[in-house]
Protein backbone atom coordinates (compact mmCIF):
# COMPACT_ATOMS: atom_id res chain seq x y z
CA MET A 1 103.62 94.03 88.12
CA TYR A 2 106.45 95.49 85.84
CA LEU A 3 107.56 97.53 88.79
CA CYS A 4 107.92 94.53 91.15
CA ILE A 5 109.80 92.51 88.43
CA PHE A 6 112.27 95.44 87.87
CA LEU A 7 112.63 95.91 91.55
CA LEU A 8 113.49 92.14 91.99
CA LEU A 9 115.88 92.47 89.01
CA SER A 10 117.63 95.38 90.73
CA LEU A 11 117.77 93.52 94.20
CA SER A 12 118.79 90.27 92.55
CA SER A 13 122.24 91.75 91.46
CA SER A 14 123.17 92.16 95.31
CA ARG A 15 125.55 89.33 96.37
CA GLU A 16 124.54 89.84 100.00
CA LEU A 17 120.83 89.23 99.18
CA ALA A 18 121.73 86.25 96.86
CA MET A 19 123.62 84.67 99.75
CA SER A 20 120.83 85.12 102.18
CA LEU A 21 118.38 83.39 99.91
CA ASN A 22 119.72 80.22 100.85
CA GLN A 23 117.92 80.43 104.29
CA PRO A 24 115.19 77.86 104.85
CA PHE A 25 111.75 79.00 104.11
CA LYS A 26 109.86 79.76 107.39
CA LEU A 27 107.12 82.14 106.62
CA ASN A 28 103.49 81.01 107.19
CA ILE A 29 102.22 82.41 104.05
CA LYS A 30 99.58 80.30 102.19
CA PHE A 31 100.67 79.44 98.58
CA ASP A 32 98.99 77.35 95.96
CA LEU A 33 102.14 75.43 95.71
CA PRO A 34 102.34 72.25 97.67
CA GLN A 35 106.22 72.15 97.97
CA PHE A 36 105.87 75.56 99.93
CA GLU A 37 102.94 74.20 102.12
CA SER A 38 105.23 71.55 103.46
CA ALA A 39 108.25 73.85 103.86
CA LYS A 40 108.19 73.34 107.73
CA SER A 41 110.79 70.65 107.15
CA GLY A 42 113.31 73.30 106.43
CA GLN A 43 114.43 71.82 103.03
CA THR A 44 112.88 74.61 100.92
CA THR A 45 114.93 77.93 100.68
CA TYR A 46 113.95 81.44 99.44
CA ALA A 47 116.04 80.88 96.27
CA ASP A 48 113.53 77.89 95.61
CA LEU A 49 110.72 80.30 95.94
CA ILE A 50 112.14 82.76 93.37
CA PHE A 51 113.08 80.01 90.93
CA VAL A 52 109.37 78.55 91.13
CA MET A 53 107.81 81.84 91.04
CA VAL A 54 109.78 82.68 87.75
CA TYR A 55 108.74 79.48 86.39
CA LYS A 56 105.13 80.15 87.28
CA LEU A 57 105.30 83.56 85.87
CA VAL A 58 106.44 82.26 82.45
CA SER A 59 104.27 79.10 82.44
CA SER A 60 100.90 80.62 83.52
CA GLY A 61 101.44 84.32 83.84
CA PRO A 62 99.85 86.84 81.75
CA ARG A 63 100.80 87.23 78.10
CA LEU A 64 101.70 90.99 78.68
CA LEU A 65 104.75 89.87 80.57
CA ARG A 66 106.25 88.24 77.33
CA PRO A 67 108.31 91.26 76.36
CA ILE A 68 110.22 91.24 79.72
CA TYR A 69 110.96 87.49 79.88
CA LYS A 70 114.46 88.43 79.53
CA SER A 71 114.36 90.59 82.75
CA ILE A 72 112.56 87.80 84.73
CA ILE A 73 115.05 85.19 83.67
CA ALA A 74 117.88 87.63 84.55
CA CYS A 75 116.66 87.68 88.27
CA VAL A 76 117.21 83.87 88.37
CA ALA A 77 120.45 84.22 86.51
CA ASN A 78 121.75 86.93 89.05
CA ILE A 79 121.14 84.64 92.07
CA ALA A 80 122.25 81.28 90.58
CA PRO A 81 125.91 81.55 91.35
CA TYR A 82 125.03 81.86 95.05
CA THR A 83 122.42 79.30 95.10
CA LYS A 84 123.74 76.22 97.12
CA LYS A 85 120.91 73.83 96.72
CA LEU A 86 117.76 73.78 94.67
CA ALA A 87 114.77 71.77 95.32
CA ARG A 88 113.29 69.35 92.76
CA GLU A 89 110.40 71.58 91.91
CA ALA A 90 112.83 74.50 91.33
CA CYS A 91 114.91 72.35 89.04
CA ASP A 92 111.79 71.13 87.18
CA GLY A 93 110.85 74.81 86.63
CA LEU A 94 114.32 75.77 85.36
CA ILE A 95 114.40 72.89 82.79
CA TYR A 96 110.76 73.97 81.69
CA LEU A 97 112.18 77.51 81.26
CA ILE A 98 114.97 76.12 79.08
CA GLN A 99 112.46 74.18 77.07
CA VAL A 100 110.47 77.34 76.33
CA CYS A 101 113.38 79.54 75.51
CA THR A 102 115.09 77.01 73.09
CA LYS A 103 112.00 76.70 71.02
CA PRO A 104 112.84 78.16 67.53
CA GLU A 105 109.47 80.22 67.58
CA PHE A 106 110.60 81.90 70.71
CA LEU A 107 114.25 82.69 69.48
CA LYS A 108 112.78 84.01 66.11
CA GLU A 109 110.13 86.23 67.77
CA LYS A 110 112.52 89.00 68.91
CA ASP A 111 116.19 89.53 68.40
CA ASP A 112 116.61 89.80 72.24
CA ASN A 113 115.11 86.57 73.03
CA CYS A 114 118.50 84.73 72.63
CA LYS A 115 119.74 86.50 75.59
CA ALA A 116 117.14 84.88 77.86
CA THR A 117 118.15 81.60 76.59
CA THR A 118 121.88 82.40 77.33
CA ALA A 119 121.07 83.56 80.73
CA LEU A 120 119.30 80.27 81.42
CA PHE A 121 122.34 78.25 80.25
CA GLU A 122 124.59 80.36 82.31
CA CYS A 123 122.36 79.80 85.30
CA VAL A 124 122.68 75.97 84.86
CA ASN A 125 126.33 76.48 84.36
CA TYR A 126 126.77 78.42 87.71
CA LEU A 127 124.77 75.89 89.64
CA ILE A 128 126.75 72.89 88.34
CA ALA A 129 130.15 74.70 88.40
CA TYR A 130 129.92 76.11 91.94
CA HIS A 131 127.50 73.76 93.66
CA ASP A 132 127.53 70.48 91.86
CA GLU A 133 127.56 68.26 95.03
CA THR A 134 124.37 69.79 96.33
CA ASN A 135 122.41 70.00 93.14
CA GLN A 136 121.63 66.47 92.47
CA HIS A 137 118.10 67.23 91.34
CA LEU A 138 119.35 69.43 88.69
CA GLN A 139 121.90 66.95 87.55
CA VAL A 140 119.19 64.26 87.23
CA GLN A 141 117.00 66.59 85.34
CA LEU A 142 119.68 67.46 82.85
CA MET A 143 120.34 63.70 82.35
CA LYS A 144 116.57 63.09 81.77
CA ASN A 145 116.42 65.94 79.33
CA GLN A 146 119.66 65.62 77.50
CA ASN A 147 118.03 65.44 74.17
CA LEU A 148 117.01 69.02 74.68
CA ILE A 149 120.55 69.91 74.57
CA TYR A 150 121.40 67.62 71.74
CA ASN A 151 118.43 69.14 69.67
CA LEU A 152 120.19 72.48 69.87
CA GLU A 153 123.09 71.00 67.86
CA SER A 154 121.02 69.18 65.26
CA PRO A 155 120.76 70.21 61.69
CA GLU A 156 116.86 70.32 61.87
CA PHE A 157 117.30 73.01 64.45
CA GLU A 158 119.69 75.00 62.52
CA LYS A 159 117.43 74.90 59.53
CA HIS A 160 114.91 77.21 61.28
CA PHE A 161 117.60 79.99 61.21
CA THR A 162 119.35 79.72 58.08
CA ASN A 163 118.49 82.10 55.27
CA THR A 164 116.52 80.50 52.65
CA LEU A 165 117.57 83.16 49.98
CA LYS A 166 120.15 81.86 47.55
CA PRO A 167 123.12 84.08 46.78
CA ALA A 168 123.02 85.65 43.24
């Protein structure tokens, strides 16, 4: 599994590949995801598939993937600037990933975990900055979850990271 993730990470840095992921998803592969079972309408793209699969890996994947979350999320961040439109399910998954990666427990677990959080916010920034007119689902999800962003600025969130030792 590690090899597949690192191969995807390497491939996701290719601009040509990222641009081609905007093609409608047309393969007749059986998934346990309802949005890809009804992909015959041409609304679902390969980029949606990657976003949803990364979400599924983080939400229900094996715990042994936890050390490489940063690499898994980097795959999504690499293709985000070239993704023209995300399906609702992919946007839901992206917001879920932000919720997971902004938890104080996750951020304190490893020094590197803040890079995964930064990559997710860059991903959202790219999607809104370059393709805001076609990513209405993401805009709606951001409005629904605006408290998530506001909580990052709150003093309660900052208390989790302040040093409790008093200077001598």
